[in-house]
């Protein structure tokens, strides 16, 4: 399953969050660190949902090409 992840650059760090998974957000020194941390956070969220017998949220984002 693929989830959209939004990245934001701050003055001294980066942050990332997954809009389809409320509460899944991380901060890191750089984008690469955020990528690894958000992957782990998403995995943990999905494992928790699975353990609780809950369904995974359907990804709702899309990419739009602008010419």
PDB file of N, CA and C in Angstrom:
ATOM      1  N   UNK A   1       0.846  -1.170   0.000  1.00  0.00           N
ATOM      2  CA  UNK A   1       0.000   0.000   0.000  1.00  0.00           C
ATOM      3  C   UNK A   1       0.897   1.241   0.000  1.00  0.00           C
ATOM      4  N   UNK A   2       0.485   2.256  -0.743  1.00  0.00           N
ATOM      5  CA  UNK A   2       1.261   3.494  -0.815  1.00  0.00           C
ATOM      6  C   UNK A   2       0.456   4.636  -0.220  1.00  0.00           C
ATOM      7  N   UNK A   3       1.100   5.413   0.629  1.00  0.00           N
ATOM      8  CA  UNK A   3       0.475   6.591   1.212  1.00  0.00           C
ATOM      9  C   UNK A   3       1.255   7.833   0.815  1.00  0.00           C
ATOM     10  N   UNK A   4       0.520   8.907   0.574  1.00  0.00           N
ATOM     11  CA  UNK A   4       1.144  10.191   0.261  1.00  0.00           C
ATOM     12  C   UNK A   4       1.807  10.734   1.517  1.00  0.00           C
ATOM     13  N   UNK A   5       3.008  11.278   1.351  1.00  0.00           N
ATOM     14  CA  UNK A   5       3.738  11.907   2.447  1.00  0.00           C
ATOM     15  C   UNK A   5       4.103  13.322   2.019  1.00  0.00           C
ATOM     16  N   UNK A   6       3.797  14.284   2.872  1.00  0.00           N
ATOM     17  CA  UNK A   6       4.150  15.685   2.619  1.00  0.00           C
ATOM     18  C   UNK A   6       5.401  16.024   3.416  1.00  0.00           C
ATOM     19  N   UNK A   7       6.348  16.676   2.763  1.00  0.00           N
ATOM     20  CA  UNK A   7       7.585  17.123   3.408  1.00  0.00           C
ATOM     21  C   UNK A   7       7.593  18.640   3.482  1.00  0.00           C
ATOM     22  N   UNK A   8       8.105  19.164   4.580  1.00  0.00           N
ATOM     23  CA  UNK A   8       8.239  20.607   4.744  1.00  0.00           C
ATOM     24  C   UNK A   8       9.632  20.907   5.287  1.00  0.00           C
ATOM     25  N   UNK A   9      10.274  21.878   4.659  1.00  0.00           N
ATOM     26  CA  UNK A   9      11.607  22.279   5.115  1.00  0.00           C
ATOM     27  C   UNK A   9      11.457  23.448   6.083  1.00  0.00           C
ATOM     28  N   UNK A  10      12.087  23.331   7.230  1.00  0.00           N
ATOM     29  CA  UNK A  10      12.114  24.411   8.209  1.00  0.00           C
ATOM     30  C   UNK A  10      13.462  25.117   8.153  1.00  0.00           C
ATOM     31  N   UNK A  11      13.667  26.054   9.035  1.00  0.00           N
ATOM     32  CA  UNK A  11      14.941  26.777   9.078  1.00  0.00           C
ATOM     33  C   UNK A  11      16.107  25.863   9.436  1.00  0.00           C
ATOM     34  N   UNK A  12      15.858  24.913  10.350  1.00  0.00           N
ATOM     35  CA  UNK A  12      16.945  24.048  10.818  1.00  0.00           C
ATOM     36  C   UNK A  12      16.651  22.564  10.731  1.00  0.00           C
ATOM     37  N   UNK A  13      15.481  22.200  10.182  1.00  0.00           N
ATOM     38  CA  UNK A  13      15.135  20.779  10.111  1.00  0.00           C
ATOM     39  C   UNK A  13      14.088  20.558   9.028  1.00  0.00           C
ATOM     40  N   UNK A  14      13.682  19.315   8.887  1.00  0.00           N
ATOM     41  CA  UNK A  14      12.612  18.933   7.962  1.00  0.00           C
ATOM     42  C   UNK A  14      11.526  18.243   8.773  1.00  0.00           C
ATOM     43  N   UNK A  15      10.302  18.273   8.260  1.00  0.00           N
ATOM     44  CA  UNK A  15       9.219  17.511   8.867  1.00  0.00           C
ATOM     45  C   UNK A  15       8.467  16.785   7.762  1.00  0.00           C
ATOM     46  N   UNK A  16       7.751  15.755   8.158  1.00  0.00           N
ATOM     47  CA  UNK A  16       6.965  14.978   7.207  1.00  0.00           C
ATOM     48  C   UNK A  16       5.726  14.465   7.923  1.00  0.00           C
ATOM     49  N   UNK A  17       4.633  14.344   7.149  1.00  0.00           N
ATOM     50  CA  UNK A  17       3.414  13.779   7.710  1.00  0.00           C
ATOM     51  C   UNK A  17       2.642  13.059   6.618  1.00  0.00           C
ATOM     52  N   UNK A  18       1.789  12.141   7.056  1.00  0.00           N
ATOM     53  CA  UNK A  18       0.952  11.364   6.150  1.00  0.00           C
ATOM     54  C   UNK A  18      -0.495  11.778   6.387  1.00  0.00           C
ATOM     55  N   UNK A  19      -1.075  12.618   5.508  1.00  0.00           N
ATOM     56  CA  UNK A  19      -2.424  13.144   5.733  1.00  0.00           C
ATOM     57  C   UNK A  19      -3.510  12.084   5.914  1.00  0.00           C
ATOM     58  N   UNK A  20      -3.355  10.931   5.298  1.00  0.00           N
ATOM     59  CA  UNK A  20      -4.365   9.881   5.416  1.00  0.00           C
ATOM     60  C   UNK A  20      -4.259   9.099   6.719  1.00  0.00           C
ATOM     61  N   UNK A  21      -3.215   9.340   7.482  1.00  0.00           N
ATOM     62  CA  UNK A  21      -2.996   8.630   8.743  1.00  0.00           C
ATOM     63  C   UNK A  21      -2.833   9.667   9.857  1.00  0.00           C
ATOM     64  N   UNK A  22      -3.934  10.135  10.442  1.00  0.00           N
ATOM     65  CA  UNK A  22      -3.866  11.177  11.464  1.00  0.00           C
ATOM     66  C   UNK A  22      -2.882  10.835  12.578  1.00  0.00           C
ATOM     67  N   UNK A  23      -2.082  11.805  12.947  1.00  0.00           N
ATOM     68  CA  UNK A  23      -1.113  11.622  14.023  1.00  0.00           C
ATOM     69  C   UNK A  23       0.235  11.098  13.572  1.00  0.00           C
ATOM     70  N   UNK A  24       0.367  10.722  12.311  1.00  0.00           N
ATOM     71  CA  UNK A  24       1.643  10.200  11.812  1.00  0.00           C
ATOM     72  C   UNK A  24       2.448  11.378  11.258  1.00  0.00           C
ATOM     73  N   UNK A  25       3.399  11.842  12.074  1.00  0.00           N
ATOM     74  CA  UNK A  25       4.239  12.978  11.699  1.00  0.00           C
ATOM     75  C   UNK A  25       5.597  12.824  12.367  1.00  0.00           C
ATOM     76  N   UNK A  26       6.634  13.302  11.708  1.00  0.00           N
ATOM     77  CA  UNK A  26       8.002  13.198  12.231  1.00  0.00           C
ATOM     78  C   UNK A  26       8.781  14.467  11.899  1.00  0.00           C
ATOM     79  N   UNK A  27       9.890  14.649  12.590  1.00  0.00           N
ATOM     80  CA  UNK A  27      10.853  15.691  12.238  1.00  0.00           C
ATOM     81  C   UNK A  27      12.236  15.058  12.207  1.00  0.00           C
ATOM     82  N   UNK A  28      13.111  15.632  11.390  1.00  0.00           N
ATOM     83  CA  UNK A  28      14.478  15.122  11.286  1.00  0.00           C
ATOM     84  C   UNK A  28      15.429  16.202  10.819  1.00  0.00           C
ATOM     85  N   UNK A  29      16.711  15.891  10.855  1.00  0.00           N
ATOM     86  CA  UNK A  29      17.731  16.862  10.461  1.00  0.00           C
ATOM     87  C   UNK A  29      17.668  17.196   8.973  1.00  0.00           C
ATOM     88  N   UNK A  30      17.314  16.199   8.165  1.00  0.00           N
ATOM     89  CA  UNK A  30      17.256  16.419   6.716  1.00  0.00           C
ATOM     90  C   UNK A  30      16.145  15.546   6.124  1.00  0.00           C
ATOM     91  N   UNK A  31      15.935  15.724   4.823  1.00  0.00           N
ATOM     92  CA  UNK A  31      14.835  15.000   4.171  1.00  0.00           C
ATOM     93  C   UNK A  31      15.051  13.489   4.216  1.00  0.00           C
ATOM     94  N   UNK A  32      16.282  13.031   4.047  1.00  0.00           N
ATOM     95  CA  UNK A  32      16.557  11.589   4.086  1.00  0.00           C
ATOM     96  C   UNK A  32      16.202  10.992   5.442  1.00  0.00           C
ATOM     97  N   UNK A  33      16.567  11.690   6.511  1.00  0.00           N
ATOM     98  CA  UNK A  33      16.223  11.186   7.837  1.00  0.00           C
ATOM     99  C   UNK A  33      14.701  11.152   8.006  1.00  0.00           C
ATOM    100  N   UNK A  34      14.018  12.203   7.541  1.00  0.00           N
ATOM    101  CA  UNK A  34      12.552  12.223   7.610  1.00  0.00           C
ATOM    102  C   UNK A  34      11.947  11.068   6.838  1.00  0.00           C
ATOM    103  N   UNK A  35      12.496  10.759   5.677  1.00  0.00           N
ATOM    104  CA  UNK A  35      11.965   9.662   4.866  1.00  0.00           C
ATOM    105  C   UNK A  35      12.018   8.354   5.648  1.00  0.00           C
ATOM    106  N   UNK A  36      13.129   8.087   6.291  1.00  0.00           N
ATOM    107  CA  UNK A  36      13.253   6.842   7.062  1.00  0.00           C
ATOM    108  C   UNK A  36      12.331   6.851   8.271  1.00  0.00           C
ATOM    109  N   UNK A  37      12.253   7.988   8.962  1.00  0.00           N
ATOM    110  CA  UNK A  37      11.406   8.073  10.149  1.00  0.00           C
ATOM    111  C   UNK A  37       9.924   7.947   9.798  1.00  0.00           C
ATOM    112  N   UNK A  38       9.494   8.568   8.704  1.00  0.00           N
ATOM    113  CA  UNK A  38       8.074   8.499   8.349  1.00  0.00           C
ATOM    114  C   UNK A  38       7.708   7.091   7.889  1.00  0.00           C
ATOM    115  N   UNK A  39       8.623   6.408   7.211  1.00  0.00           N
ATOM    116  CA  UNK A  39       8.359   5.007   6.836  1.00  0.00           C
ATOM    117  C   UNK A  39       8.116   4.168   8.083  1.00  0.00           C
ATOM    118  N   UNK A  40       8.977   4.339   9.084  1.00  0.00           N
ATOM    119  CA  UNK A  40       8.825   3.591  10.335  1.00  0.00           C
ATOM    120  C   UNK A  40       7.514   3.954  11.031  1.00  0.00           C
ATOM    121  N   UNK A  41       7.168   5.245  11.037  1.00  0.00           N
ATOM    122  CA  UNK A  41       5.938   5.684  11.704  1.00  0.00           C
ATOM    123  C   UNK A  41       4.705   5.111  11.006  1.00  0.00           C
ATOM    124  N   UNK A  42       4.717   5.086   9.683  1.00  0.00           N
ATOM    125  CA  UNK A  42       3.589   4.520   8.944  1.00  0.00           C
ATOM    126  C   UNK A  42       3.476   3.019   9.223  1.00  0.00           C
ATOM    127  N   UNK A  43       4.603   2.320   9.209  1.00  0.00           N
ATOM    128  CA  UNK A  43       4.578   0.883   9.509  1.00  0.00           C
ATOM    129  C   UNK A  43       3.998   0.621  10.895  1.00  0.00           C
ATOM    130  N   UNK A  44       4.425   1.416  11.886  1.00  0.00           N
ATOM    131  CA  UNK A  44       3.925   1.243  13.253  1.00  0.00           C
ATOM    132  C   UNK A  44       2.424   1.492  13.316  1.00  0.00           C
ATOM    133  N   UNK A  45       1.960   2.530  12.638  1.00  0.00           N
ATOM    134  CA  UNK A  45       0.526   2.843  12.628  1.00  0.00           C
ATOM    135  C   UNK A  45      -0.272   1.690  12.011  1.00  0.00           C
ATOM    136  N   UNK A  46       0.193   1.182  10.889  1.00  0.00           N
ATOM    137  CA  UNK A  46      -0.523   0.093  10.219  1.00  0.00           C
ATOM    138  C   UNK A  46      -0.495  -1.194  11.037  1.00  0.00           C
ATOM    139  N   UNK A  47       0.637  -1.465  11.702  1.00  0.00           N
ATOM    140  CA  UNK A  47       0.710  -2.643  12.569  1.00  0.00           C
ATOM    141  C   UNK A  47      -0.287  -2.526  13.721  1.00  0.00           C
ATOM    142  N   UNK A  48      -0.400  -1.327  14.287  1.00  0.00           N
ATOM    143  CA  UNK A  48      -1.365  -1.105  15.373  1.00  0.00           C
ATOM    144  C   UNK A  48      -2.793  -1.302  14.902  1.00  0.00           C
ATOM    145  N   UNK A  49      -3.113  -0.781  13.736  1.00  0.00           N
ATOM    146  CA  UNK A  49      -4.456  -0.979  13.179  1.00  0.00           C
ATOM    147  C   UNK A  49      -4.736  -2.458  12.952  1.00  0.00           C
ATOM    148  N   UNK A  50      -3.733  -3.171  12.409  1.00  0.00           N
ATOM    149  CA  UNK A  50      -3.889  -4.610  12.157  1.00  0.00           C
ATOM    150  C   UNK A  50      -4.134  -5.359  13.475  1.00  0.00           C
ATOM    151  N   UNK A  51      -3.342  -5.041  14.494  1.00  0.00           N
ATOM    152  CA  UNK A  51      -3.495  -5.714  15.788  1.00  0.00           C
ATOM    153  C   UNK A  51      -4.868  -5.463  16.395  1.00  0.00           C
ATOM    154  N   UNK A  52      -5.417  -4.267  16.158  1.00  0.00           N
ATOM    155  CA  UNK A  52      -6.728  -3.923  16.694  1.00  0.00           C
ATOM    156  C   UNK A  52      -7.873  -4.394  15.807  1.00  0.00           C
ATOM    157  N   UNK A  53      -7.533  -5.049  14.684  1.00  0.00           N
ATOM    158  CA  UNK A  53      -8.555  -5.556  13.779  1.00  0.00           C
ATOM    159  C   UNK A  53      -9.268  -4.467  12.999  1.00  0.00           C
ATOM    160  N   UNK A  54      -8.613  -3.325  12.826  1.00  0.00           N
ATOM    161  CA  UNK A  54      -9.212  -2.211  12.100  1.00  0.00           C
ATOM    162  C   UNK A  54      -8.717  -2.173  10.658  1.00  0.00           C
ATOM    163  N   UNK A  55      -9.526  -1.602   9.792  1.00  0.00           N
ATOM    164  CA  UNK A  55      -9.139  -1.488   8.389  1.00  0.00           C
ATOM    165  C   UNK A  55      -8.140  -0.353   8.193  1.00  0.00           C
ATOM    166  N   UNK A  56      -7.307  -0.508   7.191  1.00  0.00           N
ATOM    167  CA  UNK A  56      -6.368   0.557   6.830  1.00  0.00           C
ATOM    168  C   UNK A  56      -7.123   1.641   6.071  1.00  0.00           C
ATOM    169  N   UNK A  57      -6.822   2.909   6.345  1.00  0.00           N
ATOM    170  CA  UNK A  57      -7.446   3.974   5.558  1.00  0.00           C
ATOM    171  C   UNK A  57      -7.013   3.868   4.095  1.00  0.00           C
ATOM    172  N   UNK A  58      -7.954   4.124   3.203  1.00  0.00           N
ATOM    173  CA  UNK A  58      -7.624   4.139   1.782  1.00  0.00           C
ATOM    174  C   UNK A  58      -6.842   5.409   1.468  1.00  0.00           C
ATOM    175  N   UNK A  59      -5.761   5.289   0.719  1.00  0.00           N
ATOM    176  CA  UNK A  59      -5.035   6.496   0.307  1.00  0.00           C
ATOM    177  C   UNK A  59      -5.956   7.391  -0.514  1.00  0.00           C
ATOM    178  N   UNK A  60      -5.938   8.693  -0.228  1.00  0.00           N
ATOM    179  CA  UNK A  60      -6.853   9.593  -0.910  1.00  0.00           C
ATOM    180  C   UNK A  60      -6.143  10.646  -1.762  1.00  0.00           C
ATOM    181  N   UNK A  61      -4.838  10.751  -1.635  1.00  0.00           N
ATOM    182  CA  UNK A  61      -4.109  11.766  -2.388  1.00  0.00           C
ATOM    183  C   UNK A  61      -3.911  11.376  -3.833  1.00  0.00           C
ATOM    184  N   UNK A  62      -3.566  12.351  -4.619  1.00  0.00           N
ATOM    185  CA  UNK A  62      -3.213  12.096  -6.007  1.00  0.00           C
ATOM    186  C   UNK A  62      -2.182  13.126  -6.450  1.00  0.00           C
ATOM    187  N   UNK A  63      -1.462  12.775  -7.478  1.00  0.00           N
ATOM    188  CA  UNK A  63      -0.485  13.688  -8.055  1.00  0.00           C
ATOM    189  C   UNK A  63      -1.094  14.274  -9.324  1.00  0.00           C
ATOM    190  N   UNK A  64      -0.985  15.557  -9.488  1.00  0.00           N
ATOM    191  CA  UNK A  64      -1.546  16.233 -10.649  1.00  0.00           C
ATOM    192  C   UNK A  64      -0.410  16.837 -11.455  1.00  0.00           C
ATOM    193  N   UNK A  65      -0.392  16.522 -12.729  1.00  0.00           N
ATOM    194  CA  UNK A  65       0.645  17.059 -13.610  1.00  0.00           C
ATOM    195  C   UNK A  65       0.153  18.386 -14.198  1.00  0.00           C
ATOM    196  N   UNK A  66       0.995  19.393 -14.102  1.00  0.00           N
ATOM    197  CA  UNK A  66       0.655  20.708 -14.636  1.00  0.00           C
ATOM    198  C   UNK A  66       1.654  21.037 -15.745  1.00  0.00           C
ATOM    199  N   UNK A  67       1.148  21.351 -16.917  1.00  0.00           N
ATOM    200  CA  UNK A  67       2.029  21.643 -18.048  1.00  0.00           C
ATOM    201  C   UNK A  67       2.327  23.115 -18.130  1.00  0.00           C
TER     202      UNK A  67
END
